[in-house]
N, C-alpha and C. Protein backbone atom coordinates (compact mmCIF):
# COMPACT_ATOMS: atom_id res chain seq x y z
N MET A 1 6.86 3.25 15.23
CA MET A 1 5.58 2.19 15.75
C MET A 1 4.31 2.52 15.11
N LEU A 2 4.23 3.44 14.27
CA LEU A 2 2.85 3.58 13.68
C LEU A 2 2.49 2.37 12.48
N TRP A 3 3.81 2.14 11.74
CA TRP A 3 3.98 1.12 10.74
C TRP A 3 3.60 -0.21 11.52
N ILE A 4 4.18 -0.44 12.38
CA ILE A 4 4.24 -1.77 13.10
C ILE A 4 2.82 -1.91 13.59
N ALA A 5 2.05 -0.99 14.10
CA ALA A 5 0.48 -1.07 14.56
C ALA A 5 -0.16 -1.46 13.43
N ARG A 6 -0.06 -0.83 12.13
CA ARG A 6 -0.63 -0.92 10.78
C ARG A 6 -0.68 -2.77 10.51
N ILE A 7 0.83 -2.64 10.48
CA ILE A 7 1.20 -4.28 10.03
C ILE A 7 0.30 -5.26 10.94
N THR A 8 0.54 -5.32 12.07
CA THR A 8 -0.02 -6.29 13.32
C THR A 8 -1.42 -6.14 12.98
N VAL A 9 -2.16 -5.19 12.97
CA VAL A 9 -3.63 -4.83 12.76
C VAL A 9 -3.96 -5.25 11.40
N GLY A 10 -3.11 -5.17 10.41
CA GLY A 10 -3.36 -5.54 9.22
C GLY A 10 -3.53 -7.31 8.97
N LEU A 11 -2.45 -7.85 10.05
CA LEU A 11 -2.19 -9.05 10.03
C LEU A 11 -3.68 -9.79 10.62
N GLY A 12 -4.08 -9.19 11.81
CA GLY A 12 -5.48 -9.75 12.39
C GLY A 12 -6.38 -9.52 11.63
N PHE A 13 -6.56 -8.34 10.57
CA PHE A 13 -7.77 -7.95 9.96
C PHE A 13 -7.90 -9.12 8.94
N LEU A 14 -6.51 -9.57 8.02
CA LEU A 14 -6.50 -10.78 7.14
C LEU A 14 -6.85 -12.01 7.67
N PHE A 15 -6.47 -12.25 8.93
CA PHE A 15 -6.57 -13.45 9.21
C PHE A 15 -8.45 -13.53 9.69
N SER A 16 -8.53 -12.62 10.16
CA SER A 16 -10.22 -12.58 10.71
C SER A 16 -10.92 -12.62 9.15
N LEU A 17 -10.72 -11.82 8.13
CA LEU A 17 -11.34 -11.82 6.83
C LEU A 17 -11.40 -13.19 6.18
N LEU A 18 -9.92 -13.95 6.07
CA LEU A 18 -10.10 -14.88 5.40
C LEU A 18 -10.76 -16.36 6.09
N MET A 19 -10.58 -16.19 7.43
CA MET A 19 -11.28 -17.23 7.99
C MET A 19 -12.71 -16.97 8.04
N GLY A 20 -13.61 -15.79 8.12
CA GLY A 20 -14.72 -15.63 7.83
C GLY A 20 -15.14 -16.22 6.51
N VAL A 21 -14.59 -15.58 5.46
CA VAL A 21 -14.97 -16.07 4.17
C VAL A 21 -14.75 -17.57 3.97
N GLN A 22 -13.87 -18.21 4.44
CA GLN A 22 -13.80 -19.57 4.38
C GLN A 22 -15.04 -20.21 5.22
N THR A 23 -15.28 -19.96 6.43
CA THR A 23 -16.43 -20.20 6.97
C THR A 23 -17.67 -20.32 6.47
N PHE A 24 -18.02 -18.93 5.62
CA PHE A 24 -19.15 -18.69 5.18
C PHE A 24 -19.47 -19.70 3.83
N PHE A 25 -18.20 -19.79 3.15
CA PHE A 25 -18.25 -20.55 1.69
C PHE A 25 -17.64 -21.94 1.86
N MET A 26 -16.94 -22.17 2.78
CA MET A 26 -16.37 -23.65 2.95
C MET A 26 -16.39 -23.89 4.40
N PRO A 27 -17.57 -24.14 4.92
CA PRO A 27 -17.75 -24.64 6.50
C PRO A 27 -17.14 -25.89 6.68
N GLU A 28 -17.21 -26.89 5.85
CA GLU A 28 -16.47 -28.29 6.21
C GLU A 28 -15.17 -28.06 6.25
N VAL A 29 -14.41 -26.93 5.34
CA VAL A 29 -12.80 -27.04 5.67
C VAL A 29 -12.51 -26.16 7.01
N SER A 30 -13.48 -25.22 7.22
CA SER A 30 -13.54 -24.65 8.74
C SER A 30 -13.61 -25.39 10.00
N ALA A 31 -14.59 -26.14 9.65
CA ALA A 31 -14.71 -27.28 10.89
C ALA A 31 -13.56 -27.99 11.48
N VAL A 32 -13.14 -28.58 10.18
CA VAL A 32 -11.85 -29.28 10.36
C VAL A 32 -10.85 -28.50 11.18
N THR A 33 -10.33 -27.56 10.31
CA THR A 33 -9.42 -26.53 10.77
C THR A 33 -9.65 -26.21 12.30
N LEU A 34 -10.90 -26.06 12.72
CA LEU A 34 -11.08 -25.73 13.99
C LEU A 34 -11.45 -26.46 14.93
N GLY A 35 -11.26 -27.88 14.59
CA GLY A 35 -11.26 -28.93 15.26
C GLY A 35 -12.91 -29.72 15.55
N LEU A 36 -13.77 -29.40 14.85
CA LEU A 36 -14.93 -29.74 15.03
C LEU A 36 -15.14 -31.29 14.01
N GLY A 37 -14.38 -31.41 13.04
CA GLY A 37 -14.55 -32.70 12.32
C GLY A 37 -15.87 -32.00 11.22
N THR A 38 -16.31 -33.26 10.74
CA THR A 38 -17.24 -33.20 9.66
C THR A 38 -18.44 -33.96 9.94
N ASP A 39 -18.63 -34.19 11.45
CA ASP A 39 -19.59 -35.16 11.38
C ASP A 39 -20.83 -34.01 12.10
N LEU A 40 -20.86 -32.84 11.63
CA LEU A 40 -22.01 -32.03 11.95
C LEU A 40 -23.08 -32.52 11.19
N PRO A 41 -24.52 -32.18 11.77
CA PRO A 41 -25.31 -32.39 10.69
C PRO A 41 -25.99 -31.28 10.18
N ALA A 42 -26.75 -30.99 8.90
CA ALA A 42 -27.18 -30.10 8.29
C ALA A 42 -27.23 -28.70 8.99
N LEU A 43 -28.08 -28.69 9.77
CA LEU A 43 -28.17 -27.45 10.88
C LEU A 43 -27.05 -27.32 11.76
N GLY A 44 -26.35 -28.20 11.85
CA GLY A 44 -24.90 -27.94 12.55
C GLY A 44 -24.12 -27.10 11.47
N PHE A 45 -23.96 -27.46 10.62
CA PHE A 45 -23.17 -26.67 9.30
C PHE A 45 -23.69 -25.35 9.20
N ASN A 46 -25.08 -25.39 9.21
CA ASN A 46 -25.57 -23.95 9.01
C ASN A 46 -25.45 -23.05 10.49
N THR A 47 -25.65 -23.45 11.50
CA THR A 47 -25.16 -22.59 12.58
C THR A 47 -23.61 -22.30 12.61
N PHE A 48 -22.74 -23.60 12.33
CA PHE A 48 -21.40 -23.19 12.16
C PHE A 48 -21.17 -21.87 11.13
N ARG A 49 -21.68 -22.13 9.90
CA ARG A 49 -21.43 -21.00 9.05
C ARG A 49 -21.75 -19.68 9.51
N ALA A 50 -22.93 -19.83 9.98
CA ALA A 50 -23.65 -18.39 10.32
C ALA A 50 -22.84 -17.82 11.73
N ASP A 51 -22.64 -18.59 12.84
CA ASP A 51 -22.28 -17.91 14.11
C ASP A 51 -20.55 -17.72 13.98
N ILE A 52 -20.04 -18.50 13.56
CA ILE A 52 -18.52 -18.65 13.52
C ILE A 52 -18.05 -17.71 12.45
N GLY A 53 -18.68 -17.79 11.34
CA GLY A 53 -18.66 -17.07 10.24
C GLY A 53 -18.48 -15.60 10.58
N ALA A 54 -19.53 -15.08 11.40
CA ALA A 54 -20.00 -13.82 11.59
C ALA A 54 -19.19 -13.42 12.88
N PHE A 55 -18.61 -14.27 13.53
CA PHE A 55 -17.45 -13.96 14.45
C PHE A 55 -16.23 -13.69 13.93
N PHE A 56 -15.97 -14.10 12.91
CA PHE A 56 -14.78 -13.73 12.14
C PHE A 56 -14.63 -12.50 11.32
N LEU A 57 -15.90 -12.35 10.76
CA LEU A 57 -15.97 -11.41 9.99
C LEU A 57 -16.43 -10.03 10.58
N ALA A 58 -16.89 -10.02 11.79
CA ALA A 58 -17.36 -8.99 12.85
C ALA A 58 -15.79 -8.44 13.12
N ALA A 59 -15.04 -9.33 13.56
CA ALA A 59 -13.52 -8.95 13.98
C ALA A 59 -12.78 -8.32 12.53
N ALA A 60 -12.96 -8.62 11.67
CA ALA A 60 -12.39 -8.01 10.21
C ALA A 60 -13.04 -6.67 10.01
N VAL A 61 -14.27 -6.73 10.42
CA VAL A 61 -14.94 -5.29 10.22
C VAL A 61 -14.33 -4.34 10.92
N PHE A 62 -14.38 -4.89 12.41
CA PHE A 62 -13.66 -3.87 13.41
C PHE A 62 -12.10 -3.51 12.95
N ALA A 63 -11.41 -4.43 12.43
CA ALA A 63 -10.31 -3.87 12.35
C ALA A 63 -10.08 -3.01 11.30
N GLY A 64 -11.06 -3.69 10.18
CA GLY A 64 -10.81 -2.60 8.87
C GLY A 64 -10.95 -1.16 9.51
N LEU A 65 -12.28 -1.15 9.95
CA LEU A 65 -12.79 0.17 10.28
C LEU A 65 -11.45 1.46 10.80
N GLY A 66 -10.84 0.38 11.83
CA GLY A 66 -9.55 0.86 12.28
C GLY A 66 -8.46 1.44 11.41
N LEU A 67 -8.45 0.52 10.47
CA LEU A 67 -7.18 0.59 9.63
C LEU A 67 -7.57 1.65 8.39
N PHE A 68 -9.00 1.43 7.68
CA PHE A 68 -9.29 2.05 6.42
C PHE A 68 -9.92 3.47 6.61
N ALA A 69 -10.50 3.31 8.04
CA ALA A 69 -11.63 4.30 7.81
C ALA A 69 -11.49 5.36 9.06
N GLY A 70 -10.17 5.43 9.64
CA GLY A 70 -9.76 6.16 10.37
C GLY A 70 -10.40 6.36 11.95
N ARG A 71 -10.92 4.98 12.19
CA ARG A 71 -11.34 4.88 13.58
C ARG A 71 -10.88 3.81 14.35
N PRO A 72 -9.72 3.96 14.83
CA PRO A 72 -8.75 3.14 15.55
C PRO A 72 -9.59 2.38 16.77
N GLY A 73 -10.55 3.55 17.55
CA GLY A 73 -11.42 2.75 18.58
C GLY A 73 -11.98 1.85 18.11
N ALA A 74 -12.35 1.39 16.82
CA ALA A 74 -13.17 0.16 16.48
C ALA A 74 -12.31 -0.91 16.52
N ILE A 75 -10.94 -1.05 16.91
CA ILE A 75 -10.21 -2.10 16.79
C ILE A 75 -10.36 -2.78 18.10
N TYR A 76 -10.76 -2.05 19.27
CA TYR A 76 -11.25 -2.75 20.34
C TYR A 76 -12.09 -3.81 20.25
N GLY A 77 -12.89 -3.44 19.22
CA GLY A 77 -14.06 -4.58 18.90
C GLY A 77 -13.44 -5.75 18.56
N ALA A 78 -12.58 -5.91 17.97
CA ALA A 78 -12.07 -7.09 17.39
C ALA A 78 -11.21 -7.53 18.44
N ALA A 79 -10.27 -6.85 19.41
CA ALA A 79 -9.65 -7.20 20.81
C ALA A 79 -10.88 -7.94 21.38
N LEU A 80 -11.82 -7.34 21.57
CA LEU A 80 -12.85 -7.85 22.72
C LEU A 80 -13.26 -9.28 22.16
N LEU A 81 -13.89 -9.31 20.88
CA LEU A 81 -14.15 -10.75 20.35
C LEU A 81 -12.96 -11.68 20.63
N TYR A 82 -11.89 -11.70 20.15
CA TYR A 82 -10.83 -12.79 20.49
C TYR A 82 -10.67 -12.92 22.13
N GLY A 83 -10.69 -11.62 22.82
CA GLY A 83 -10.60 -11.74 24.10
C GLY A 83 -11.49 -12.77 24.77
N LEU A 84 -12.89 -12.41 24.33
CA LEU A 84 -13.86 -13.26 25.02
C LEU A 84 -13.58 -14.77 24.63
N ALA A 85 -13.21 -15.07 23.30
CA ALA A 85 -12.80 -16.38 22.85
C ALA A 85 -11.81 -17.32 23.63
N LEU A 86 -10.76 -16.21 23.93
CA LEU A 86 -9.56 -16.97 24.99
C LEU A 86 -10.15 -16.97 26.39
N THR A 87 -11.15 -16.18 26.66
CA THR A 87 -11.73 -16.45 27.93
C THR A 87 -12.10 -17.83 28.05
N GLY A 88 -13.06 -18.12 27.16
CA GLY A 88 -13.82 -19.24 26.93
C GLY A 88 -13.01 -20.47 26.98
N ARG A 89 -11.84 -20.52 26.08
CA ARG A 89 -10.98 -21.46 25.85
C ARG A 89 -10.25 -21.89 27.29
N ILE A 90 -9.80 -20.50 28.04
CA ILE A 90 -9.45 -20.90 29.58
C ILE A 90 -10.25 -21.23 30.54
N ILE A 91 -11.79 -21.10 30.49
CA ILE A 91 -12.79 -21.56 31.41
C ILE A 91 -12.85 -23.14 30.77
N GLY A 92 -12.88 -23.46 29.58
CA GLY A 92 -12.99 -24.93 29.28
C GLY A 92 -12.03 -25.79 29.65
N VAL A 93 -10.49 -25.03 29.66
CA VAL A 93 -9.43 -25.96 30.11
C VAL A 93 -9.47 -26.05 31.65
N VAL A 94 -10.22 -24.95 32.48
CA VAL A 94 -10.03 -25.13 33.85
C VAL A 94 -11.28 -26.05 34.19
N MET A 95 -12.37 -26.11 33.50
CA MET A 95 -13.35 -27.03 33.82
C MET A 95 -13.58 -28.39 33.37
N ALA A 96 -12.77 -28.55 32.28
CA ALA A 96 -12.94 -29.96 31.67
C ALA A 96 -11.39 -30.56 31.14
N GLY A 97 -10.49 -29.81 31.57
CA GLY A 97 -8.91 -30.30 31.09
C GLY A 97 -8.55 -29.60 29.67
N ALA A 98 -7.39 -29.97 29.60
CA ALA A 98 -6.81 -29.42 28.37
C ALA A 98 -6.82 -30.30 27.20
N PRO A 99 -7.52 -30.34 26.22
CA PRO A 99 -7.85 -31.38 25.32
C PRO A 99 -6.24 -30.99 24.46
N GLU A 100 -6.37 -32.02 23.27
CA GLU A 100 -5.11 -31.91 22.64
C GLU A 100 -5.12 -30.84 21.64
N GLY A 101 -4.24 -30.53 21.29
CA GLY A 101 -3.98 -29.22 20.48
C GLY A 101 -4.73 -28.07 20.97
N ILE A 102 -5.06 -27.55 22.01
CA ILE A 102 -5.75 -26.66 22.68
C ILE A 102 -4.37 -25.24 22.54
N THR A 103 -3.35 -25.73 22.85
CA THR A 103 -2.19 -24.45 22.77
C THR A 103 -2.32 -23.51 21.51
N THR A 104 -2.32 -24.08 20.43
CA THR A 104 -2.50 -23.42 19.23
C THR A 104 -3.45 -22.16 18.97
N PRO A 105 -4.60 -22.60 19.48
CA PRO A 105 -5.66 -21.67 19.45
C PRO A 105 -5.45 -20.64 20.45
N ILE A 106 -5.05 -20.92 21.65
CA ILE A 106 -4.93 -20.35 22.81
C ILE A 106 -3.85 -19.06 22.55
N ILE A 107 -2.64 -19.71 21.89
CA ILE A 107 -1.72 -18.69 21.30
C ILE A 107 -2.06 -17.82 20.35
N VAL A 108 -2.91 -18.11 19.26
CA VAL A 108 -3.07 -17.29 18.15
C VAL A 108 -4.39 -16.27 18.80
N GLU A 109 -5.18 -16.51 19.69
CA GLU A 109 -6.13 -15.84 20.13
C GLU A 109 -5.47 -14.74 20.83
N ALA A 110 -4.37 -14.95 21.83
CA ALA A 110 -3.72 -14.28 22.78
C ALA A 110 -2.97 -13.18 21.96
N VAL A 111 -2.29 -13.76 20.94
CA VAL A 111 -1.32 -12.72 19.99
C VAL A 111 -2.47 -11.67 19.62
N LEU A 112 -3.46 -12.44 18.89
CA LEU A 112 -4.55 -11.34 18.13
C LEU A 112 -4.83 -10.22 19.43
N VAL A 113 -5.42 -10.79 20.65
CA VAL A 113 -5.72 -9.72 21.38
C VAL A 113 -4.43 -8.44 21.46
N LEU A 114 -3.49 -8.78 21.75
CA LEU A 114 -2.18 -8.06 21.69
C LEU A 114 -2.14 -7.31 20.51
N PHE A 115 -2.27 -7.70 19.51
CA PHE A 115 -2.02 -7.09 18.37
C PHE A 115 -3.15 -5.91 18.02
N PHE A 116 -4.47 -6.22 18.27
CA PHE A 116 -5.37 -5.30 18.32
C PHE A 116 -5.21 -4.24 19.40
N VAL A 117 -5.12 -4.68 20.52
CA VAL A 117 -4.90 -3.60 21.60
C VAL A 117 -3.76 -2.50 21.22
N PHE A 118 -2.56 -3.04 20.99
CA PHE A 118 -1.42 -2.19 20.75
C PHE A 118 -2.11 -1.38 19.38
N GLY A 119 -2.58 -2.13 18.35
CA GLY A 119 -2.84 -1.14 17.24
C GLY A 119 -3.65 0.00 17.71
N ALA A 120 -4.85 -0.51 18.30
CA ALA A 120 -5.81 0.52 18.57
C ALA A 120 -5.34 1.76 19.42
N ARG A 121 -4.29 1.26 20.42
CA ARG A 121 -3.65 2.56 21.07
C ARG A 121 -2.98 3.27 20.59
N THR A 122 -1.85 2.59 19.48
CA THR A 122 -0.98 3.24 18.66
C THR A 122 -1.39 4.12 17.60
N LEU A 123 -2.65 3.65 17.19
CA LEU A 123 -3.25 4.33 15.80
C LEU A 123 -3.85 5.50 16.41
N LYS A 124 -4.28 5.52 17.41
CA LYS A 124 -5.24 6.70 18.23
C LYS A 124 -4.50 7.96 18.24
N ARG A 125 -3.29 7.78 18.54
CA ARG A 125 -2.38 9.09 18.47
C ARG A 125 -1.98 9.82 17.11
């Protein structure tokens, strides 16, 4: 079980790290990937780079602390971030309906929450 937990947290760590780095250095690519398109003004791209990049990199830091620094409780921070994002998506679907393509991000965020909670609980032992 320990190796499965390390692998699942490692996958979440890599995903978060790569998305954060991509968002910091190629916000146009990330904006398209995340469904925002490229019609953001300069300040919009700056805000997207800062806020969304920070979200992904914070999740990577929490997962990394659990994996590499022996602090598995920190992994709950990553689970919390993705859990809040998932909550926001569900609220959006309830309040405004389900936009095209919403299934994939909901599944990704739910799986990441499960990976991180499983990893934090298992690595704590």
